[in-house]
Amino acid sequence: MPRAKGGFKTRRRHKKLIKLAKGYWGQRKNVFRRVKETVERALVYAYRDRRQKKRDFRRLWQIRINAAARLNGLNYSKFMGGLKKAGIELDRKVLANLAINEPEIFSKLVEIAKAQLQ
C-alpha cells in the first residue's frame, strides 16, 4: 500500500493559516511554523482584548461622567446613587454621551440626583 502524505488536506490547512497571517513581517507571513505561532498568539490576544475593550470603555464612561458631575457639584458615586434612587435607568454609555454633547440635560439629571440625596 502506498504511503499517503495528505498533501491536499495539509496544503489546505496551511493555506488557511497563511491567509490569516497576511500583512505580517518576514517569516511570520510565509513560513508555516512561524505563521502558526504568530496567528495562534494573535487569536489569543484578540479573544482577550474583546473582553478588555468592554472594561476599558466602561472606565472611560465613568471618568467622563465623574468629570461632568463634579462640574455640577456632585461626585460620581453620589450622582449614580441619586439616579438609582430616582429610578432613572440610563446606562453609563448614554450618560457619558449626554455629559459631552448635551451638558444642559446632564445638569438637569444632576439636579434630580441631588434632590434624591436630600
C-alpha atoms as a PDB file:
ATOM      1  CA  MET A   1       0.000   0.000   0.000  1.00  0.00           C
ATOM      2  CA  PRO A   2       1.480   3.382  -0.962  1.00  0.00           C
ATOM      3  CA  ARG A   3       2.254   5.964   1.670  1.00  0.00           C
ATOM      4  CA  ALA A   4      -0.353   8.726   1.993  1.00  0.00           C
ATOM      5  CA  LYS A   5       1.193  12.072   2.763  1.00  0.00           C
ATOM      6  CA  GLY A   6      -2.063  14.018   2.973  1.00  0.00           C
ATOM      7  CA  GLY A   7      -0.856  16.660   0.533  1.00  0.00           C
ATOM      8  CA  PHE A   8      -4.167  18.285  -0.336  1.00  0.00           C
ATOM      9  CA  LYS A   9      -5.541  18.452   3.189  1.00  0.00           C
ATOM     10  CA  THR A  10      -2.233  19.620   4.644  1.00  0.00           C
ATOM     11  CA  ARG A  11      -1.857  22.301   1.998  1.00  0.00           C
ATOM     12  CA  ARG A  12      -5.421  23.486   2.570  1.00  0.00           C
ATOM     13  CA  ARG A  13      -4.835  23.684   6.332  1.00  0.00           C
ATOM     14  CA  HIS A  14      -1.554  25.545   5.834  1.00  0.00           C
ATOM     15  CA  LYS A  15      -3.067  28.000   3.356  1.00  0.00           C
ATOM     16  CA  LYS A  16      -5.902  28.771   5.761  1.00  0.00           C
ATOM     17  CA  LEU A  17      -3.433  29.882   8.430  1.00  0.00           C
ATOM     18  CA  ILE A  18      -1.151  31.666   5.960  1.00  0.00           C
ATOM     19  CA  LYS A  19      -4.156  33.669   4.782  1.00  0.00           C
ATOM     20  CA  LEU A  20      -4.737  34.787   8.397  1.00  0.00           C
ATOM     21  CA  ALA A  21      -1.093  35.945   8.553  1.00  0.00           C
ATOM     22  CA  LYS A  22      -1.473  38.351   5.640  1.00  0.00           C
ATOM     23  CA  GLY A  23       0.402  41.571   6.305  1.00  0.00           C
ATOM     24  CA  TYR A  24       2.788  40.099   8.869  1.00  0.00           C
ATOM     25  CA  TRP A  25       6.514  40.761   8.515  1.00  0.00           C
ATOM     26  CA  GLY A  26       9.254  38.381   7.389  1.00  0.00           C
ATOM     27  CA  GLN A  27       8.924  34.672   8.079  1.00  0.00           C
ATOM     28  CA  ARG A  28       5.792  35.361  10.094  1.00  0.00           C
ATOM     29  CA  LYS A  29       3.817  35.555   6.845  1.00  0.00           C
ATOM     30  CA  ASN A  30       5.180  32.660   4.768  1.00  0.00           C
ATOM     31  CA  VAL A  31       6.924  30.006   6.895  1.00  0.00           C
ATOM     32  CA  PHE A  32       4.214  27.748   8.245  1.00  0.00           C
ATOM     33  CA  ARG A  33       5.834  27.059  11.604  1.00  0.00           C
ATOM     34  CA  ARG A  34       6.276  30.798  12.299  1.00  0.00           C
ATOM     35  CA  VAL A  35       2.824  31.550  10.881  1.00  0.00           C
ATOM     36  CA  LYS A  36       1.214  29.039  13.206  1.00  0.00           C
ATOM     37  CA  GLU A  37       2.913  30.510  16.303  1.00  0.00           C
ATOM     38  CA  THR A  38       2.108  34.078  15.337  1.00  0.00           C
ATOM     39  CA  VAL A  39      -1.501  33.544  14.323  1.00  0.00           C
ATOM     40  CA  GLU A  40      -2.205  31.471  17.421  1.00  0.00           C
ATOM     41  CA  ARG A  41      -0.843  34.228  19.649  1.00  0.00           C
ATOM     42  CA  ALA A  42      -2.757  36.890  17.693  1.00  0.00           C
ATOM     43  CA  LEU A  43      -6.004  34.976  18.152  1.00  0.00           C
ATOM     44  CA  VAL A  44      -5.357  34.702  21.897  1.00  0.00           C
ATOM     45  CA  TYR A  45      -4.804  38.454  22.113  1.00  0.00           C
ATOM     46  CA  ALA A  46      -7.917  39.115  20.041  1.00  0.00           C
ATOM     47  CA  TYR A  47     -10.031  36.925  22.346  1.00  0.00           C
ATOM     48  CA  ARG A  48      -8.613  38.593  25.462  1.00  0.00           C
ATOM     49  CA  ASP A  49      -8.954  42.112  24.127  1.00  0.00           C
ATOM     50  CA  ARG A  50     -12.573  41.705  23.045  1.00  0.00           C
ATOM     51  CA  ARG A  51     -13.295  41.385  26.748  1.00  0.00           C
ATOM     52  CA  GLN A  52     -10.764  44.026  27.762  1.00  0.00           C
ATOM     53  CA  LYS A  53     -12.405  46.548  25.421  1.00  0.00           C
ATOM     54  CA  LYS A  54     -15.660  46.371  27.380  1.00  0.00           C
ATOM     55  CA  ARG A  55     -13.789  47.156  30.614  1.00  0.00           C
ATOM     56  CA  ASP A  56     -11.845  49.992  29.006  1.00  0.00           C
ATOM     57  CA  PHE A  57     -14.949  51.688  27.669  1.00  0.00           C
ATOM     58  CA  ARG A  58     -16.761  51.360  30.994  1.00  0.00           C
ATOM     59  CA  ARG A  59     -13.793  53.049  32.729  1.00  0.00           C
ATOM     60  CA  LEU A  60     -13.777  55.813  30.127  1.00  0.00           C
ATOM     61  CA  TRP A  61     -17.501  56.432  30.583  1.00  0.00           C
ATOM     62  CA  GLN A  62     -17.090  56.558  34.367  1.00  0.00           C
ATOM     63  CA  ILE A  63     -14.290  59.118  34.052  1.00  0.00           C
ATOM     64  CA  ARG A  64     -16.378  61.304  31.749  1.00  0.00           C
ATOM     65  CA  ILE A  65     -19.462  61.096  33.962  1.00  0.00           C
ATOM     66  CA  ASN A  66     -17.403  61.898  37.057  1.00  0.00           C
ATOM     67  CA  ALA A  67     -15.814  64.944  35.412  1.00  0.00           C
ATOM     68  CA  ALA A  68     -19.183  66.312  34.283  1.00  0.00           C
ATOM     69  CA  ALA A  69     -20.843  65.575  37.643  1.00  0.00           C
ATOM     70  CA  ARG A  70     -18.055  67.372  39.519  1.00  0.00           C
ATOM     71  CA  LEU A  71     -18.586  70.447  37.337  1.00  0.00           C
ATOM     72  CA  ASN A  72     -22.149  70.398  38.683  1.00  0.00           C
ATOM     73  CA  GLY A  73     -21.093  69.940  42.318  1.00  0.00           C
ATOM     74  CA  LEU A  74     -21.509  66.191  42.800  1.00  0.00           C
ATOM     75  CA  ASN A  75     -19.124  63.257  42.613  1.00  0.00           C
ATOM     76  CA  TYR A  76     -19.635  60.110  40.538  1.00  0.00           C
ATOM     77  CA  SER A  77     -20.801  57.736  43.259  1.00  0.00           C
ATOM     78  CA  LYS A  78     -23.328  60.167  44.739  1.00  0.00           C
ATOM     79  CA  PHE A  79     -24.588  61.060  41.268  1.00  0.00           C
ATOM     80  CA  MET A  80     -25.112  57.415  40.324  1.00  0.00           C
ATOM     81  CA  GLY A  81     -26.698  56.680  43.704  1.00  0.00           C
ATOM     82  CA  GLY A  82     -29.094  59.615  43.297  1.00  0.00           C
ATOM     83  CA  LEU A  83     -30.079  58.461  39.810  1.00  0.00           C
ATOM     84  CA  LYS A  84     -30.743  54.979  41.115  1.00  0.00           C
ATOM     85  CA  LYS A  85     -32.959  56.329  43.917  1.00  0.00           C
ATOM     86  CA  ALA A  86     -34.806  58.485  41.368  1.00  0.00           C
ATOM     87  CA  GLY A  87     -35.462  55.414  39.239  1.00  0.00           C
ATOM     88  CA  ILE A  88     -33.574  56.738  36.234  1.00  0.00           C
ATOM     89  CA  GLU A  89     -32.043  53.755  34.453  1.00  0.00           C
ATOM     90  CA  LEU A  90     -29.703  55.276  31.891  1.00  0.00           C
ATOM     91  CA  ASP A  91     -26.562  53.288  31.255  1.00  0.00           C
ATOM     92  CA  ARG A  92     -23.083  54.773  31.534  1.00  0.00           C
ATOM     93  CA  LYS A  93     -22.602  54.969  27.777  1.00  0.00           C
ATOM     94  CA  VAL A  94     -25.662  57.203  27.385  1.00  0.00           C
ATOM     95  CA  LEU A  95     -24.770  59.294  30.442  1.00  0.00           C
ATOM     96  CA  ALA A  96     -21.225  59.877  29.155  1.00  0.00           C
ATOM     97  CA  ASN A  97     -22.612  60.893  25.779  1.00  0.00           C
ATOM     98  CA  LEU A  98     -25.020  63.324  27.450  1.00  0.00           C
ATOM     99  CA  ALA A  99     -22.208  64.733  29.573  1.00  0.00           C
ATOM    100  CA  ILE A 100     -20.184  65.602  26.474  1.00  0.00           C
ATOM    101  CA  ASN A 101     -22.820  66.533  23.895  1.00  0.00           C
ATOM    102  CA  GLU A 102     -25.791  67.752  25.987  1.00  0.00           C
ATOM    103  CA  PRO A 103     -24.404  69.400  29.164  1.00  0.00           C
ATOM    104  CA  GLU A 104     -27.672  71.191  29.978  1.00  0.00           C
ATOM    105  CA  ILE A 105     -29.624  67.917  30.008  1.00  0.00           C
ATOM    106  CA  PHE A 106     -26.871  66.318  32.085  1.00  0.00           C
ATOM    107  CA  SER A 107     -27.040  69.174  34.611  1.00  0.00           C
ATOM    108  CA  LYS A 108     -30.794  68.561  34.945  1.00  0.00           C
ATOM    109  CA  LEU A 109     -30.026  64.908  35.725  1.00  0.00           C
ATOM    110  CA  VAL A 110     -27.530  66.072  38.352  1.00  0.00           C
ATOM    111  CA  GLU A 111     -30.235  68.254  39.933  1.00  0.00           C
ATOM    112  CA  ILE A 112     -32.604  65.279  40.028  1.00  0.00           C
ATOM    113  CA  ALA A 113     -29.879  63.168  41.673  1.00  0.00           C
ATOM    114  CA  LYS A 114     -29.162  65.921  44.216  1.00  0.00           C
ATOM    115  CA  ALA A 115     -32.865  66.164  45.088  1.00  0.00           C
ATOM    116  CA  GLN A 116     -32.995  62.431  45.755  1.00  0.00           C
ATOM    117  CA  LEU A 117     -29.986  62.616  48.057  1.00  0.00           C
ATOM    118  CA  GLN A 118     -31.569  65.306  50.265  1.00  0.00           C
END
